[in-house]
Amino acid sequence: MSPRRSYDQYCSAARALDLVGDRWTLLIVRELLAGPRRYTDLHADLPGVSTDVLASRLKDMERDGLTSRRRLPPPGAAYVYELTERGRELLPVLQALGKWGEGELGERRPTDAVRAHWFALPLLRALPGEGIVEVRLEEGEFHLHAGAEEGPVYGDGPAPGAADARLVMDAGTCEAVARGEMTLTDAVRAGRVTVTGEGTVAKALREV
């Protein structure tokens, strides 16, 4: 395990960056907001990270109290990583960073990797109300836990139970919302998002 590096500055921002300022750390947090993940799953959804760097970051994050590691019972018998309560407190930090970086997205480049669930946090910021929301894109399907105070914030695939709302949109619409060029409610009003369901989120979106 690498020794902790520090800016050695008596400043809360500097202290925070001592923990999460290394390359890949906050993106690992983004992935773990979906709940417990195996190392192989994390590596698959963080294209570009080397196995050595990912292993090192995970060890550092466990040492610093941001993540924990546990072994799944049989038949899984694999180790998974998950955020601690302290690590989950980084959600609003990631949301603020994502909001600040909307203007940097631009059009998707040919070299850009993409995963459907990378749109989870931008859509979470855009949802009115609370509940479980399924989202279907060309790249795949995922679900959101809007307003959840604990547990996973999102997950791949359909919702584990009944969804309060289901959203279907094309990639261009989702990217426009992620870039801040269009609000989700404007996209619904323009007929670019299909909304079904009877939960508060679905009703709020249909009433715009």
Protein backbone atom coordinates (compact mmCIF):
# COMPACT_ATOMS: atom_id res chain seq x y z
CA MET A 1 0.00 0.00 0.00
CA SER A 2 1.40 3.34 -1.01
CA PRO A 3 2.01 5.92 1.74
CA ARG A 4 -0.58 8.65 1.90
CA ARG A 5 0.56 11.77 0.11
CA SER A 6 -0.45 15.11 1.53
CA TYR A 7 -0.46 18.73 0.50
CA ASP A 8 0.46 19.51 4.13
CA GLN A 9 -1.86 22.49 4.16
CA TYR A 10 -4.20 23.33 7.04
CA CYS A 11 -7.22 23.70 4.77
CA SER A 12 -10.28 21.44 4.55
CA ALA A 13 -10.20 21.46 0.73
CA ALA A 14 -6.55 20.38 0.77
CA ARG A 15 -7.31 17.66 3.33
CA ALA A 16 -10.18 16.40 1.17
CA LEU A 17 -7.93 16.31 -1.87
CA ASP A 18 -5.39 14.32 0.13
CA LEU A 19 -8.03 11.56 0.10
CA VAL A 20 -9.81 11.90 -3.24
CA GLY A 21 -7.50 14.01 -5.41
CA ASP A 22 -5.67 11.09 -7.02
CA ARG A 23 -6.60 10.13 -10.59
CA TRP A 24 -9.46 7.56 -10.73
CA THR A 25 -10.53 7.85 -7.09
CA LEU A 26 -13.73 9.82 -7.66
CA LEU A 27 -14.62 7.68 -10.67
CA ILE A 28 -14.31 4.60 -8.47
CA VAL A 29 -16.73 6.31 -6.10
CA ARG A 30 -19.08 6.90 -9.05
CA GLU A 31 -19.08 3.18 -9.79
CA LEU A 32 -19.54 2.15 -6.15
CA LEU A 33 -22.59 4.41 -5.80
CA ALA A 34 -24.31 1.52 -7.61
CA GLY A 35 -23.66 -0.71 -4.60
CA PRO A 36 -21.12 -3.48 -3.97
CA ARG A 37 -18.94 -4.27 -6.99
CA ARG A 38 -16.37 -6.94 -7.72
CA TYR A 39 -12.88 -5.91 -8.79
CA THR A 40 -13.45 -7.33 -12.28
CA ASP A 41 -16.68 -5.35 -12.66
CA LEU A 42 -14.96 -2.14 -11.59
CA HIS A 43 -12.13 -2.73 -14.03
CA ALA A 44 -14.59 -3.37 -16.87
CA ASP A 45 -16.47 -0.12 -16.20
CA LEU A 46 -13.36 2.03 -15.79
CA PRO A 47 -11.81 1.73 -19.26
CA GLY A 48 -8.28 3.06 -19.29
CA VAL A 49 -7.31 2.23 -15.71
CA SER A 50 -4.52 -0.29 -15.26
CA THR A 51 -4.97 -3.24 -12.92
CA ASP A 52 -2.11 -2.00 -10.72
CA VAL A 53 -3.54 1.50 -10.37
CA LEU A 54 -7.05 0.22 -9.62
CA ALA A 55 -5.76 -2.17 -6.97
CA SER A 56 -3.69 0.61 -5.42
CA ARG A 57 -6.57 3.09 -5.35
CA LEU A 58 -8.90 0.54 -3.77
CA LYS A 59 -6.37 -0.22 -1.05
CA ASP A 60 -5.87 3.51 -0.39
CA MET A 61 -9.62 4.11 -0.24
CA GLU A 62 -10.08 1.23 2.20
CA ARG A 63 -7.26 2.55 4.38
CA ASP A 64 -8.80 6.03 4.37
CA GLY A 65 -12.24 4.77 5.37
CA LEU A 66 -13.98 5.50 2.07
CA THR A 67 -14.60 1.87 1.10
CA SER A 68 -14.71 -1.56 2.71
CA ARG A 69 -14.13 -5.01 1.30
CA ARG A 70 -16.06 -8.16 2.18
CA ARG A 71 -16.38 -11.68 0.89
CA LEU A 72 -19.70 -12.82 -0.53
CA PRO A 73 -21.12 -16.06 0.89
CA PRO A 74 -21.16 -19.18 -1.31
CA PRO A 75 -21.88 -19.74 -4.12
CA GLY A 76 -20.56 -16.24 -4.91
CA ALA A 77 -17.40 -16.56 -2.80
CA ALA A 78 -15.92 -13.40 -4.34
CA TYR A 79 -14.75 -10.20 -2.70
CA VAL A 80 -16.74 -7.05 -3.30
CA TYR A 81 -15.95 -3.42 -2.60
CA GLU A 82 -18.54 -0.98 -1.29
CA LEU A 83 -18.70 2.57 -0.03
CA THR A 84 -18.72 3.29 3.66
CA GLU A 85 -21.05 5.96 5.01
CA ARG A 86 -18.13 8.36 4.75
CA GLY A 87 -17.58 7.40 1.12
CA ARG A 88 -21.25 7.80 0.26
CA GLU A 89 -21.05 11.39 1.52
CA LEU A 90 -19.13 12.10 -1.70
CA LEU A 91 -22.36 11.87 -3.75
CA PRO A 92 -23.12 15.62 -3.55
CA VAL A 93 -19.45 16.32 -4.33
CA LEU A 94 -19.69 14.25 -7.51
CA GLN A 95 -23.02 15.84 -8.38
CA ALA A 96 -21.59 19.35 -7.99
CA LEU A 97 -18.52 18.38 -10.03
CA GLY A 98 -20.72 16.87 -12.74
CA LYS A 99 -22.87 19.99 -12.86
CA TRP A 100 -19.78 22.18 -13.11
CA GLY A 101 -18.39 20.00 -15.91
CA GLU A 102 -21.51 19.90 -18.08
CA GLY A 103 -20.10 22.46 -20.48
CA GLU A 104 -16.97 20.38 -21.01
CA LEU A 105 -18.81 17.40 -22.50
CA GLY A 106 -19.47 18.73 -25.99
CA GLU A 107 -20.32 16.18 -28.66
CA ARG A 108 -19.24 12.62 -28.01
CA ARG A 109 -15.84 11.92 -29.58
CA PRO A 110 -15.13 8.71 -31.53
CA THR A 111 -12.59 7.74 -28.86
CA ASP A 112 -14.97 8.30 -25.92
CA ALA A 113 -15.98 5.22 -23.98
CA VAL A 114 -19.54 5.20 -22.69
CA ARG A 115 -21.63 3.12 -20.30
CA ALA A 116 -25.37 3.63 -19.96
CA HIS A 117 -25.13 4.03 -16.18
CA TRP A 118 -22.72 6.97 -16.54
CA PHE A 119 -25.85 9.01 -17.27
CA ALA A 120 -27.34 8.02 -13.90
CA LEU A 121 -25.99 10.97 -11.91
CA PRO A 122 -26.95 13.67 -14.46
CA LEU A 123 -30.48 12.24 -14.68
CA LEU A 124 -30.68 11.94 -10.91
CA ARG A 125 -30.03 15.69 -10.67
CA ALA A 126 -32.85 16.31 -13.14
CA LEU A 127 -35.59 14.17 -11.59
CA PRO A 128 -38.47 15.85 -9.74
CA GLY A 129 -39.42 13.98 -6.58
CA GLU A 130 -38.37 10.64 -5.13
CA GLY A 131 -38.79 7.02 -6.13
CA ILE A 132 -37.37 4.22 -8.24
CA VAL A 133 -36.98 5.20 -11.89
CA GLU A 134 -36.08 2.89 -14.76
CA VAL A 135 -34.27 4.42 -17.73
CA ARG A 136 -33.93 2.79 -21.13
CA LEU A 137 -31.32 4.07 -23.59
CA GLU A 138 -29.83 2.67 -26.76
CA GLU A 139 -26.69 1.78 -24.78
CA GLY A 140 -28.60 -0.15 -22.13
CA GLU A 141 -30.97 0.04 -19.21
CA PHE A 142 -30.41 1.16 -15.64
CA HIS A 143 -32.45 2.30 -12.67
CA LEU A 144 -32.20 5.18 -10.20
CA HIS A 145 -33.11 5.49 -6.54
CA ALA A 146 -34.11 9.16 -6.49
CA GLY A 147 -33.99 10.63 -2.99
CA ALA A 148 -32.45 7.54 -1.38
CA GLU A 149 -30.59 8.45 1.81
CA GLU A 150 -28.77 5.13 2.07
CA GLY A 151 -27.99 2.13 -0.10
CA PRO A 152 -27.29 2.18 -3.85
CA VAL A 153 -28.02 5.36 -5.78
CA TYR A 154 -28.42 3.53 -9.09
CA GLY A 155 -27.94 0.10 -10.65
CA ASP A 156 -27.60 -1.62 -14.01
CA GLY A 157 -30.63 -3.29 -15.55
CA PRO A 158 -34.30 -3.05 -14.60
CA ALA A 159 -35.37 -2.01 -11.12
CA PRO A 160 -35.33 -4.89 -8.60
CA GLY A 161 -38.99 -4.18 -7.80
CA ALA A 162 -41.85 -2.15 -9.16
CA ALA A 163 -40.65 1.13 -10.65
CA ASP A 164 -42.38 4.41 -9.86
CA ALA A 165 -41.54 5.70 -13.34
CA ARG A 166 -40.06 4.44 -16.59
CA LEU A 167 -38.26 6.73 -19.01
CA VAL A 168 -37.36 5.87 -22.60
CA MET A 169 -35.20 8.24 -24.64
CA ASP A 170 -32.58 8.18 -27.35
CA ALA A 171 -28.89 8.79 -26.79
CA GLY A 172 -28.98 12.31 -28.24
CA THR A 173 -31.67 13.42 -25.80
CA CYS A 174 -29.88 11.93 -22.81
CA GLU A 175 -26.60 13.53 -23.87
CA ALA A 176 -28.30 16.92 -24.25
CA VAL A 177 -29.67 16.64 -20.70
CA ALA A 178 -26.24 15.58 -19.42
CA ARG A 179 -24.63 18.59 -21.15
CA GLY A 180 -27.18 20.95 -19.56
CA GLU A 181 -28.50 22.00 -22.97
CA MET A 182 -32.00 20.72 -22.22
CA THR A 183 -33.83 20.01 -18.99
CA LEU A 184 -35.52 16.67 -18.53
CA THR A 185 -38.90 18.38 -18.27
CA ASP A 186 -38.28 20.22 -21.55
CA ALA A 187 -37.36 16.91 -23.20
CA VAL A 188 -40.61 15.37 -21.96
CA ARG A 189 -42.58 18.39 -23.16
CA ALA A 190 -40.94 18.11 -26.58
CA GLY A 191 -41.93 14.45 -26.86
CA ARG A 192 -38.32 13.25 -26.75
CA VAL A 193 -38.83 11.22 -23.55
CA THR A 194 -41.61 8.66 -23.05
CA VAL A 195 -42.80 8.53 -19.44
CA THR A 196 -44.88 5.69 -17.98
CA GLY A 197 -45.74 4.75 -14.42
CA GLU A 198 -47.95 6.04 -11.64
CA GLY A 199 -45.39 7.21 -9.07
CA THR A 200 -44.80 10.80 -8.05
CA VAL A 201 -41.86 11.21 -10.44
CA ALA A 202 -43.87 9.98 -13.42
CA LYS A 203 -46.83 12.20 -12.54
CA ALA A 204 -44.61 15.23 -12.01
CA LEU A 205 -42.92 14.74 -15.40
CA ARG A 206 -46.22 14.26 -17.22
CA GLU A 207 -47.69 17.38 -15.65
CA VAL A 208 -45.06 19.72 -17.09
